[in-house]
Amino acid sequence: MRANQVLSSLCYFSIFFAPFLFPIIVYFVADEEVKSHAKSAFWSHVIPFLVLVVGIILSGVLGIGTQGEIAVGIGIVVTYGIFALIGLCFFIWNIVKGIKVLLGD
């Protein structure tokens, strides 16, 4: 059981060294308990980047629709601000979740 806890917590801590790759590998080679943590960790690593991509696309559409450089600039600044806030929240969540899993809570 201890090895499963370490592997599960490493899925969350992989935000420091291999955010996408490690949870995917663990998902395919580990047992069911660890798979659920690997899946959760993977999505918590992917969501901030999806927010960034969607925000940049929306900023581009806004710029094309308004034909204004100022609107694009504001849209990109807002996108990066939202990305930074969401990214920080998910980063802290991964650390907290990794510690909780490691301690067995």
PDB file of N, CA and C in Angstrom:
ATOM      1  N   MET A   1       0.825  -1.199   0.000  1.00  0.00           N
ATOM      2  CA  MET A   1       0.000   0.000   0.000  1.00  0.00           C
ATOM      3  C   MET A   1       0.869   1.262   0.000  1.00  0.00           C
ATOM      4  N   ARG A   2       1.979   1.205   0.684  1.00  0.00           N
ATOM      5  CA  ARG A   2       2.856   2.374   0.758  1.00  0.00           C
ATOM      6  C   ARG A   2       3.399   2.765  -0.623  1.00  0.00           C
ATOM      7  N   ALA A   3       3.740   1.762  -1.445  1.00  0.00           N
ATOM      8  CA  ALA A   3       4.246   2.049  -2.790  1.00  0.00           C
ATOM      9  C   ALA A   3       3.167   2.735  -3.634  1.00  0.00           C
ATOM     10  N   ASN A   4       1.918   2.322  -3.454  1.00  0.00           N
ATOM     11  CA  ASN A   4       0.826   2.969  -4.185  1.00  0.00           C
ATOM     12  C   ASN A   4       0.670   4.425  -3.768  1.00  0.00           C
ATOM     13  N   GLN A   5       0.832   4.705  -2.474  1.00  0.00           N
ATOM     14  CA  GLN A   5       0.728   6.086  -2.013  1.00  0.00           C
ATOM     15  C   GLN A   5       1.845   6.947  -2.595  1.00  0.00           C
ATOM     16  N   VAL A   6       3.051   6.411  -2.626  1.00  0.00           N
ATOM     17  CA  VAL A   6       4.178   7.166  -3.171  1.00  0.00           C
ATOM     18  C   VAL A   6       3.980   7.423  -4.653  1.00  0.00           C
ATOM     19  N   LEU A   7       3.569   6.419  -5.385  1.00  0.00           N
ATOM     20  CA  LEU A   7       3.347   6.568  -6.820  1.00  0.00           C
ATOM     21  C   LEU A   7       2.207   7.547  -7.101  1.00  0.00           C
ATOM     22  N   SER A   8       1.142   7.457  -6.305  1.00  0.00           N
ATOM     23  CA  SER A   8       0.017   8.382  -6.484  1.00  0.00           C
ATOM     24  C   SER A   8       0.434   9.822  -6.191  1.00  0.00           C
ATOM     25  N   SER A   9       1.202  10.017  -5.140  1.00  0.00           N
ATOM     26  CA  SER A   9       1.639  11.379  -4.815  1.00  0.00           C
ATOM     27  C   SER A   9       2.631  11.898  -5.850  1.00  0.00           C
ATOM     28  N   LEU A  10       3.450  11.015  -6.407  1.00  0.00           N
ATOM     29  CA  LEU A  10       4.372  11.448  -7.458  1.00  0.00           C
ATOM     30  C   LEU A  10       3.625  11.924  -8.706  1.00  0.00           C
ATOM     31  N   CYS A  11       2.455  11.381  -8.938  1.00  0.00           N
ATOM     32  CA  CYS A  11       1.650  11.864 -10.067  1.00  0.00           C
ATOM     33  C   CYS A  11       1.304  13.339  -9.881  1.00  0.00           C
ATOM     34  N   TYR A  12       0.977  13.727  -8.663  1.00  0.00           N
ATOM     35  CA  TYR A  12       0.673  15.137  -8.387  1.00  0.00           C
ATOM     36  C   TYR A  12       1.939  15.981  -8.359  1.00  0.00           C
ATOM     37  N   PHE A  13       3.018  15.446  -7.767  1.00  0.00           N
ATOM     38  CA  PHE A  13       4.273  16.189  -7.696  1.00  0.00           C
ATOM     39  C   PHE A  13       4.976  16.280  -9.040  1.00  0.00           C
ATOM     40  N   SER A  14       4.510  15.531 -10.021  1.00  0.00           N
ATOM     41  CA  SER A  14       5.141  15.577 -11.338  1.00  0.00           C
ATOM     42  C   SER A  14       4.952  16.930 -12.015  1.00  0.00           C
ATOM     43  N   ILE A  15       4.175  17.803 -11.407  1.00  0.00           N
ATOM     44  CA  ILE A  15       4.031  19.151 -11.939  1.00  0.00           C
ATOM     45  C   ILE A  15       5.395  19.843 -11.968  1.00  0.00           C
ATOM     46  N   PHE A  16       6.333  19.355 -11.150  1.00  0.00           N
ATOM     47  CA  PHE A  16       7.671  19.931 -11.109  1.00  0.00           C
ATOM     48  C   PHE A  16       8.603  19.376 -12.186  1.00  0.00           C
ATOM     49  N   PHE A  17       8.386  18.145 -12.631  1.00  0.00           N
ATOM     50  CA  PHE A  17       9.377  17.537 -13.512  1.00  0.00           C
ATOM     51  C   PHE A  17       8.814  16.939 -14.802  1.00  0.00           C
ATOM     52  N   ALA A  18       7.618  16.442 -14.851  1.00  0.00           N
ATOM     53  CA  ALA A  18       7.045  15.883 -16.091  1.00  0.00           C
ATOM     54  C   ALA A  18       5.530  15.943 -16.008  1.00  0.00           C
ATOM     55  N   PRO A  19       4.954  17.123 -16.162  1.00  0.00           N
ATOM     56  CA  PRO A  19       3.532  17.293 -15.883  1.00  0.00           C
ATOM     57  C   PRO A  19       2.579  16.436 -16.702  1.00  0.00           C
ATOM     58  N   PHE A  20       2.890  16.148 -17.934  1.00  0.00           N
ATOM     59  CA  PHE A  20       1.968  15.366 -18.748  1.00  0.00           C
ATOM     60  C   PHE A  20       2.401  13.913 -18.870  1.00  0.00           C
ATOM     61  N   LEU A  21       3.671  13.719 -19.016  1.00  0.00           N
ATOM     62  CA  LEU A  21       4.200  12.392 -19.311  1.00  0.00           C
ATOM     63  C   LEU A  21       4.063  11.407 -18.152  1.00  0.00           C
ATOM     64  N   PHE A  22       4.435  11.816 -16.959  1.00  0.00           N
ATOM     65  CA  PHE A  22       4.447  10.888 -15.824  1.00  0.00           C
ATOM     66  C   PHE A  22       3.054  10.347 -15.481  1.00  0.00           C
ATOM     67  N   PRO A  23       2.028  11.200 -15.345  1.00  0.00           N
ATOM     68  CA  PRO A  23       0.697  10.639 -15.053  1.00  0.00           C
ATOM     69  C   PRO A  23       0.164   9.705 -16.134  1.00  0.00           C
ATOM     70  N   ILE A  24       0.503   9.980 -17.397  1.00  0.00           N
ATOM     71  CA  ILE A  24       0.050   9.103 -18.476  1.00  0.00           C
ATOM     72  C   ILE A  24       0.710   7.729 -18.356  1.00  0.00           C
ATOM     73  N   ILE A  25       2.009   7.712 -18.108  1.00  0.00           N
ATOM     74  CA  ILE A  25       2.724   6.436 -17.963  1.00  0.00           C
ATOM     75  C   ILE A  25       2.174   5.658 -16.783  1.00  0.00           C
ATOM     76  N   VAL A  26       1.983   6.337 -15.653  1.00  0.00           N
ATOM     77  CA  VAL A  26       1.466   5.672 -14.452  1.00  0.00           C
ATOM     78  C   VAL A  26       0.064   5.137 -14.709  1.00  0.00           C
ATOM     79  N   TYR A  27      -0.740   5.883 -15.439  1.00  0.00           N
ATOM     80  CA  TYR A  27      -2.103   5.448 -15.728  1.00  0.00           C
ATOM     81  C   TYR A  27      -2.120   4.098 -16.448  1.00  0.00           C
ATOM     82  N   PHE A  28      -1.193   3.879 -17.339  1.00  0.00           N
ATOM     83  CA  PHE A  28      -1.190   2.651 -18.123  1.00  0.00           C
ATOM     84  C   PHE A  28      -0.489   1.480 -17.444  1.00  0.00           C
ATOM     85  N   VAL A  29       0.323   1.730 -16.401  1.00  0.00           N
ATOM     86  CA  VAL A  29       1.062   0.620 -15.795  1.00  0.00           C
ATOM     87  C   VAL A  29       0.650   0.308 -14.358  1.00  0.00           C
ATOM     88  N   ALA A  30      -0.150   1.149 -13.741  1.00  0.00           N
ATOM     89  CA  ALA A  30      -0.464   0.967 -12.317  1.00  0.00           C
ATOM     90  C   ALA A  30      -1.833   0.316 -12.121  1.00  0.00           C
ATOM     91  N   ASP A  31      -2.122  -0.001 -10.850  1.00  0.00           N
ATOM     92  CA  ASP A  31      -3.418  -0.602 -10.531  1.00  0.00           C
ATOM     93  C   ASP A  31      -4.503   0.476 -10.425  1.00  0.00           C
ATOM     94  N   GLU A  32      -5.722   0.066 -10.128  1.00  0.00           N
ATOM     95  CA  GLU A  32      -6.890   0.955 -10.214  1.00  0.00           C
ATOM     96  C   GLU A  32      -6.824   2.151  -9.259  1.00  0.00           C
ATOM     97  N   GLU A  33      -6.346   1.935  -8.037  1.00  0.00           N
ATOM     98  CA  GLU A  33      -6.291   3.036  -7.074  1.00  0.00           C
ATOM     99  C   GLU A  33      -5.352   4.138  -7.550  1.00  0.00           C
ATOM    100  N   VAL A  34      -4.222   3.738  -8.057  1.00  0.00           N
ATOM    101  CA  VAL A  34      -3.242   4.702  -8.546  1.00  0.00           C
ATOM    102  C   VAL A  34      -3.722   5.341  -9.849  1.00  0.00           C
ATOM    103  N   LYS A  35      -4.450   4.583 -10.671  1.00  0.00           N
ATOM    104  CA  LYS A  35      -4.971   5.116 -11.930  1.00  0.00           C
ATOM    105  C   LYS A  35      -5.887   6.317 -11.697  1.00  0.00           C
ATOM    106  N   SER A  36      -6.699   6.253 -10.655  1.00  0.00           N
ATOM    107  CA  SER A  36      -7.601   7.376 -10.397  1.00  0.00           C
ATOM    108  C   SER A  36      -6.817   8.631 -10.041  1.00  0.00           C
ATOM    109  N   HIS A  37      -5.756   8.478  -9.270  1.00  0.00           N
ATOM    110  CA  HIS A  37      -4.922   9.636  -8.934  1.00  0.00           C
ATOM    111  C   HIS A  37      -4.155  10.134 -10.159  1.00  0.00           C
ATOM    112  N   ALA A  38      -3.675   9.210 -10.990  1.00  0.00           N
ATOM    113  CA  ALA A  38      -2.949   9.600 -12.200  1.00  0.00           C
ATOM    114  C   ALA A  38      -3.857  10.389 -13.142  1.00  0.00           C
ATOM    115  N   LYS A  39      -5.094   9.935 -13.274  1.00  0.00           N
ATOM    116  CA  LYS A  39      -6.057  10.627 -14.133  1.00  0.00           C
ATOM    117  C   LYS A  39      -6.365  12.021 -13.591  1.00  0.00           C
ATOM    118  N   SER A  40      -6.585  12.113 -12.303  1.00  0.00           N
ATOM    119  CA  SER A  40      -6.874  13.398 -11.676  1.00  0.00           C
ATOM    120  C   SER A  40      -5.680  14.348 -11.815  1.00  0.00           C
ATOM    121  N   ALA A  41      -4.478  13.829 -11.596  1.00  0.00           N
ATOM    122  CA  ALA A  41      -3.278  14.658 -11.716  1.00  0.00           C
ATOM    123  C   ALA A  41      -3.080  15.120 -13.153  1.00  0.00           C
ATOM    124  N   PHE A  42      -3.302  14.227 -14.097  1.00  0.00           N
ATOM    125  CA  PHE A  42      -3.142  14.599 -15.500  1.00  0.00           C
ATOM    126  C   PHE A  42      -4.069  15.750 -15.869  1.00  0.00           C
ATOM    127  N   TRP A  43      -5.333  15.638 -15.511  1.00  0.00           N
ATOM    128  CA  TRP A  43      -6.275  16.707 -15.864  1.00  0.00           C
ATOM    129  C   TRP A  43      -5.970  18.005 -15.127  1.00  0.00           C
ATOM    130  N   SER A  44      -5.466  17.902 -13.908  1.00  0.00           N
ATOM    131  CA  SER A  44      -5.120  19.135 -13.189  1.00  0.00           C
ATOM    132  C   SER A  44      -3.874  19.789 -13.775  1.00  0.00           C
ATOM    133  N   HIS A  45      -3.086  19.049 -14.551  1.00  0.00           N
ATOM    134  CA  HIS A  45      -1.950  19.630 -15.247  1.00  0.00           C
ATOM    135  C   HIS A  45      -2.360  20.198 -16.603  1.00  0.00           C
ATOM    136  N   VAL A  46      -3.382  19.630 -17.213  1.00  0.00           N
ATOM    137  CA  VAL A  46      -3.798  20.025 -18.565  1.00  0.00           C
ATOM    138  C   VAL A  46      -4.732  21.235 -18.553  1.00  0.00           C
ATOM    139  N   ILE A  47      -5.604  21.320 -17.583  1.00  0.00           N
ATOM    140  CA  ILE A  47      -6.638  22.369 -17.570  1.00  0.00           C
ATOM    141  C   ILE A  47      -6.066  23.780 -17.679  1.00  0.00           C
ATOM    142  N   PRO A  48      -5.018  24.164 -16.934  1.00  0.00           N
ATOM    143  CA  PRO A  48      -4.503  25.533 -17.107  1.00  0.00           C
ATOM    144  C   PRO A  48      -4.035  25.829 -18.531  1.00  0.00           C
ATOM    145  N   PHE A  49      -3.443  24.846 -19.202  1.00  0.00           N
ATOM    146  CA  PHE A  49      -2.996  25.081 -20.565  1.00  0.00           C
ATOM    147  C   PHE A  49      -4.163  25.164 -21.544  1.00  0.00           C
ATOM    148  N   LEU A  50      -5.225  24.415 -21.286  1.00  0.00           N
ATOM    149  CA  LEU A  50      -6.420  24.541 -22.119  1.00  0.00           C
ATOM    150  C   LEU A  50      -7.038  25.926 -21.971  1.00  0.00           C
ATOM    151  N   VAL A  51      -7.021  26.448 -20.753  1.00  0.00           N
ATOM    152  CA  VAL A  51      -7.531  27.800 -20.513  1.00  0.00           C
ATOM    153  C   VAL A  51      -6.703  28.818 -21.294  1.00  0.00           C
ATOM    154  N   LEU A  52      -5.379  28.632 -21.303  1.00  0.00           N
ATOM    155  CA  LEU A  52      -4.514  29.540 -22.039  1.00  0.00           C
ATOM    156  C   LEU A  52      -4.793  29.487 -23.538  1.00  0.00           C
ATOM    157  N   VAL A  53      -4.914  28.307 -24.098  1.00  0.00           N
ATOM    158  CA  VAL A  53      -5.159  28.168 -25.531  1.00  0.00           C
ATOM    159  C   VAL A  53      -6.508  28.779 -25.920  1.00  0.00           C
ATOM    160  N   VAL A  54      -7.532  28.479 -25.150  1.00  0.00           N
ATOM    161  CA  VAL A  54      -8.856  29.044 -25.433  1.00  0.00           C
ATOM    162  C   VAL A  54      -8.826  30.569 -25.308  1.00  0.00           C
ATOM    163  N   GLY A  55      -8.141  31.066 -24.299  1.00  0.00           N
ATOM    164  CA  GLY A  55      -8.041  32.516 -24.125  1.00  0.00           C
ATOM    165  C   GLY A  55      -7.321  33.199 -25.272  1.00  0.00           C
ATOM    166  N   ILE A  56      -6.246  32.596 -25.749  1.00  0.00           N
ATOM    167  CA  ILE A  56      -5.522  33.185 -26.877  1.00  0.00           C
ATOM    168  C   ILE A  56      -6.376  33.141 -28.146  1.00  0.00           C
ATOM    169  N   ILE A  57      -7.088  32.052 -28.354  1.00  0.00           N
ATOM    170  CA  ILE A  57      -7.979  31.969 -29.513  1.00  0.00           C
ATOM    171  C   ILE A  57      -9.073  33.030 -29.427  1.00  0.00           C
ATOM    172  N   LEU A  58      -9.661  33.180 -28.247  1.00  0.00           N
ATOM    173  CA  LEU A  58     -10.696  34.207 -28.088  1.00  0.00           C
ATOM    174  C   LEU A  58     -10.130  35.610 -28.271  1.00  0.00           C
ATOM    175  N   SER A  59      -8.905  35.838 -27.825  1.00  0.00           N
ATOM    176  CA  SER A  59      -8.274  37.143 -28.030  1.00  0.00           C
ATOM    177  C   SER A  59      -8.061  37.411 -29.508  1.00  0.00           C
ATOM    178  N   GLY A  60      -7.652  36.378 -30.253  1.00  0.00           N
ATOM    179  CA  GLY A  60      -7.487  36.538 -31.697  1.00  0.00           C
ATOM    180  C   GLY A  60      -8.794  36.814 -32.401  1.00  0.00           C
ATOM    181  N   VAL A  61      -9.837  36.106 -32.009  1.00  0.00           N
ATOM    182  CA  VAL A  61     -11.162  36.337 -32.602  1.00  0.00           C
ATOM    183  C   VAL A  61     -11.643  37.737 -32.267  1.00  0.00           C
ATOM    184  N   LEU A  62     -11.385  38.182 -31.050  1.00  0.00           N
ATOM    185  CA  LEU A  62     -11.772  39.537 -30.661  1.00  0.00           C
ATOM    186  C   LEU A  62     -11.029  40.564 -31.509  1.00  0.00           C
ATOM    187  N   GLY A  63      -9.751  40.313 -31.744  1.00  0.00           N
ATOM    188  CA  GLY A  63      -8.968  41.237 -32.565  1.00  0.00           C
ATOM    189  C   GLY A  63      -9.430  41.269 -34.009  1.00  0.00           C
ATOM    190  N   ILE A  64      -9.774  40.125 -34.553  1.00  0.00           N
ATOM    191  CA  ILE A  64     -10.256  40.077 -35.935  1.00  0.00           C
ATOM    192  C   ILE A  64     -11.621  40.759 -36.030  1.00  0.00           C
ATOM    193  N   GLY A  65     -12.460  40.533 -35.019  1.00  0.00           N
ATOM    194  CA  GLY A  65     -13.803  41.099 -35.042  1.00  0.00           C
ATOM    195  C   GLY A  65     -13.836  42.600 -34.855  1.00  0.00           C
ATOM    196  N   THR A  66     -12.915  43.139 -34.067  1.00  0.00           N
ATOM    197  CA  THR A  66     -12.942  44.570 -33.787  1.00  0.00           C
ATOM    198  C   THR A  66     -11.942  45.363 -34.607  1.00  0.00           C
ATOM    199  N   GLN A  67     -10.978  44.675 -35.224  1.00  0.00           N
ATOM    200  CA  GLN A  67      -9.932  45.332 -36.005  1.00  0.00           C
ATOM    201  C   GLN A  67      -9.175  46.375 -35.186  1.00  0.00           C
ATOM    202  N   GLY A  68      -9.019  46.096 -33.892  1.00  0.00           N
ATOM    203  CA  GLY A  68      -8.328  47.051 -33.042  1.00  0.00           C
ATOM    204  C   GLY A  68      -7.200  46.409 -32.274  1.00  0.00           C
ATOM    205  N   GLU A  69      -6.044  47.067 -32.303  1.00  0.00           N
ATOM    206  CA  GLU A  69      -4.896  46.535 -31.599  1.00  0.00           C
ATOM    207  C   GLU A  69      -5.071  46.623 -30.084  1.00  0.00           C
ATOM    208  N   ILE A  70      -5.755  47.647 -29.642  1.00  0.00           N
ATOM    209  CA  ILE A  70      -5.946  47.828 -28.202  1.00  0.00           C
ATOM    210  C   ILE A  70      -6.806  46.709 -27.635  1.00  0.00           C
ATOM    211  N   ALA A  71      -7.837  46.321 -28.349  1.00  0.00           N
ATOM    212  CA  ALA A  71      -8.706  45.238 -27.889  1.00  0.00           C
ATOM    213  C   ALA A  71      -7.942  43.925 -27.794  1.00  0.00           C
ATOM    214  N   VAL A  72      -7.068  43.675 -28.759  1.00  0.00           N
ATOM    215  CA  VAL A  72      -6.264  42.455 -28.720  1.00  0.00           C
ATOM    216  C   VAL A  72      -5.303  42.508 -27.547  1.00  0.00           C
ATOM    217  N   GLY A  73      -4.679  43.641 -27.336  1.00  0.00           N
ATOM    218  CA  GLY A  73      -3.747  43.785 -26.214  1.00  0.00           C
ATOM    219  C   GLY A  73      -4.432  43.571 -24.877  1.00  0.00           C
ATOM    220  N   ILE A  74      -5.583  44.166 -24.703  1.00  0.00           N
ATOM    221  CA  ILE A  74      -6.333  43.987 -23.459  1.00  0.00           C
ATOM    222  C   ILE A  74      -6.765  42.535 -23.308  1.00  0.00           C
ATOM    223  N   GLY A  75      -7.220  41.938 -24.404  1.00  0.00           N
ATOM    224  CA  GLY A  75      -7.634  40.535 -24.357  1.00  0.00           C
ATOM    225  C   GLY A  75      -6.494  39.613 -23.971  1.00  0.00           C
ATOM    226  N   ILE A  76      -5.318  39.853 -24.493  1.00  0.00           N
ATOM    227  CA  ILE A  76      -4.171  39.000 -24.167  1.00  0.00           C
ATOM    228  C   ILE A  76      -3.726  39.215 -22.731  1.00  0.00           C
ATOM    229  N   VAL A  77      -3.723  40.445 -22.255  1.00  0.00           N
ATOM    230  CA  VAL A  77      -3.358  40.707 -20.858  1.00  0.00           C
ATOM    231  C   VAL A  77      -4.355  40.033 -19.914  1.00  0.00           C
ATOM    232  N   VAL A  78      -5.631  40.130 -20.225  1.00  0.00           N
ATOM    233  CA  VAL A  78      -6.648  39.472 -19.400  1.00  0.00           C
ATOM    234  C   VAL A  78      -6.480  37.955 -19.460  1.00  0.00           C
ATOM    235  N   THR A  79      -6.204  37.429 -20.654  1.00  0.00           N
ATOM    236  CA  THR A  79      -5.987  35.982 -20.810  1.00  0.00           C
ATOM    237  C   THR A  79      -4.817  35.512 -19.964  1.00  0.00           C
ATOM    238  N   TYR A  80      -3.698  36.216 -20.031  1.00  0.00           N
ATOM    239  CA  TYR A  80      -2.535  35.823 -19.240  1.00  0.00           C
ATOM    240  C   TYR A  80      -2.797  35.961 -17.747  1.00  0.00           C
ATOM    241  N   GLY A  81      -3.552  36.976 -17.355  1.00  0.00           N
ATOM    242  CA  GLY A  81      -3.901  37.126 -15.945  1.00  0.00           C
ATOM    243  C   GLY A  81      -4.753  35.968 -15.441  1.00  0.00           C
ATOM    244  N   ILE A  82      -5.758  35.607 -16.219  1.00  0.00           N
ATOM    245  CA  ILE A  82      -6.614  34.476 -15.845  1.00  0.00           C
ATOM    246  C   ILE A  82      -5.807  33.188 -15.832  1.00  0.00           C
ATOM    247  N   PHE A  83      -4.945  32.998 -16.843  1.00  0.00           N
ATOM    248  CA  PHE A  83      -4.092  31.812 -16.896  1.00  0.00           C
ATOM    249  C   PHE A  83      -3.184  31.739 -15.678  1.00  0.00           C
ATOM    250  N   ALA A  84      -2.582  32.853 -15.295  1.00  0.00           N
ATOM    251  CA  ALA A  84      -1.689  32.863 -14.139  1.00  0.00           C
ATOM    252  C   ALA A  84      -2.445  32.518 -12.858  1.00  0.00           C
ATOM    253  N   LEU A  85      -3.630  33.067 -12.701  1.00  0.00           N
ATOM    254  CA  LEU A  85      -4.429  32.793 -11.505  1.00  0.00           C
ATOM    255  C   LEU A  85      -4.867  31.329 -11.448  1.00  0.00           C
ATOM    256  N   ILE A  86      -5.382  30.820 -12.543  1.00  0.00           N
ATOM    257  CA  ILE A  86      -5.813  29.413 -12.589  1.00  0.00           C
ATOM    258  C   ILE A  86      -4.614  28.488 -12.451  1.00  0.00           C
ATOM    259  N   GLY A  87      -3.517  28.815 -13.118  1.00  0.00           N
ATOM    260  CA  GLY A  87      -2.313  28.001 -13.020  1.00  0.00           C
ATOM    261  C   GLY A  87      -1.777  27.938 -11.599  1.00  0.00           C
ATOM    262  N   LEU A  88      -1.774  29.067 -10.898  1.00  0.00           N
ATOM    263  CA  LEU A  88      -1.318  29.093  -9.513  1.00  0.00           C
ATOM    264  C   LEU A  88      -2.228  28.268  -8.615  1.00  0.00           C
ATOM    265  N   CYS A  89      -3.528  28.368  -8.827  1.00  0.00           N
ATOM    266  CA  CYS A  89      -4.473  27.573  -8.029  1.00  0.00           C
ATOM    267  C   CYS A  89      -4.259  26.077  -8.243  1.00  0.00           C
ATOM    268  N   PHE A  90      -4.115  25.660  -9.492  1.00  0.00           N
ATOM    269  CA  PHE A  90      -3.896  24.242  -9.771  1.00  0.00           C
ATOM    270  C   PHE A  90      -2.524  23.778  -9.287  1.00  0.00           C
ATOM    271  N   PHE A  91      -1.521  24.645  -9.343  1.00  0.00           N
ATOM    272  CA  PHE A  91      -0.184  24.308  -8.854  1.00  0.00           C
ATOM    273  C   PHE A  91      -0.230  24.037  -7.349  1.00  0.00           C
ATOM    274  N   ILE A  92      -0.867  24.916  -6.610  1.00  0.00           N
ATOM    275  CA  ILE A  92      -1.002  24.731  -5.157  1.00  0.00           C
ATOM    276  C   ILE A  92      -1.858  23.510  -4.863  1.00  0.00           C
ATOM    277  N   TRP A  93      -2.936  23.318  -5.625  1.00  0.00           N
ATOM    278  CA  TRP A  93      -3.801  22.159  -5.412  1.00  0.00           C
ATOM    279  C   TRP A  93      -3.032  20.856  -5.602  1.00  0.00           C
ATOM    280  N   ASN A  94      -2.166  20.794  -6.620  1.00  0.00           N
ATOM    281  CA  ASN A  94      -1.372  19.591  -6.859  1.00  0.00           C
ATOM    282  C   ASN A  94      -0.426  19.312  -5.696  1.00  0.00           C
ATOM    283  N   ILE A  95       0.196  20.337  -5.165  1.00  0.00           N
ATOM    284  CA  ILE A  95       1.102  20.145  -4.036  1.00  0.00           C
ATOM    285  C   ILE A  95       0.330  19.653  -2.813  1.00  0.00           C
ATOM    286  N   VAL A  96      -0.783  20.287  -2.522  1.00  0.00           N
ATOM    287  CA  VAL A  96      -1.593  19.887  -1.363  1.00  0.00           C
ATOM    288  C   VAL A  96      -2.114  18.464  -1.542  1.00  0.00           C
ATOM    289  N   LYS A  97      -2.624  18.149  -2.703  1.00  0.00           N
ATOM    290  CA  LYS A  97      -3.152  16.808  -2.965  1.00  0.00           C
ATOM    291  C   LYS A  97      -2.049  15.754  -2.884  1.00  0.00           C
ATOM    292  N   GLY A  98      -0.857  16.067  -3.392  1.00  0.00           N
ATOM    293  CA  GLY A  98       0.264  15.134  -3.298  1.00  0.00           C
ATOM    294  C   GLY A  98       0.662  14.856  -1.860  1.00  0.00           C
ATOM    295  N   ILE A  99       0.659  15.888  -1.036  1.00  0.00           N
ATOM    296  CA  ILE A  99       0.992  15.708   0.379  1.00  0.00           C
ATOM    297  C   ILE A  99      -0.087  14.894   1.079  1.00  0.00           C
ATOM    298  N   LYS A 100      -1.359  15.184   0.791  1.00  0.00           N
ATOM    299  CA  LYS A 100      -2.453  14.431   1.412  1.00  0.00           C
ATOM    300  C   LYS A 100      -2.390  12.950   1.049  1.00  0.00           C
ATOM    301  N   VAL A 101      -2.129  12.663  -0.216  1.00  0.00           N
ATOM    302  CA  VAL A 101      -2.057  11.261  -0.647  1.00  0.00           C
ATOM    303  C   VAL A 101      -0.856  10.583   0.000  1.00  0.00           C
ATOM    304  N   LEU A 102       0.258  11.285   0.082  1.00  0.00           N
ATOM    305  CA  LEU A 102       1.461  10.711   0.672  1.00  0.00           C
ATOM    306  C   LEU A 102       1.280  10.413   2.152  1.00  0.00           C
ATOM    307  N   LEU A 103       0.548  11.271   2.842  1.00  0.00           N
ATOM    308  CA  LEU A 103       0.303  11.061   4.267  1.00  0.00           C
ATOM    309  C   LEU A 103      -0.846  10.096   4.529  1.00  0.00           C
ATOM    310  N   GLY A 104      -1.588   9.761   3.488  1.00  0.00           N
ATOM    311  CA  GLY A 104      -2.669   8.788   3.628  1.00  0.00           C
ATOM    312  C   GLY A 104      -3.985   9.374   4.093  1.00  0.00           C
ATOM    313  N   ASP A 105      -4.171  10.671   3.905  1.00  0.00           N
ATOM    314  CA  ASP A 105      -5.442  11.310   4.322  1.00  0.00           C
ATOM    315  C   ASP A 105      -6.511  11.123   3.285  1.00  0.00           C
TER     316      ASP A 105
END
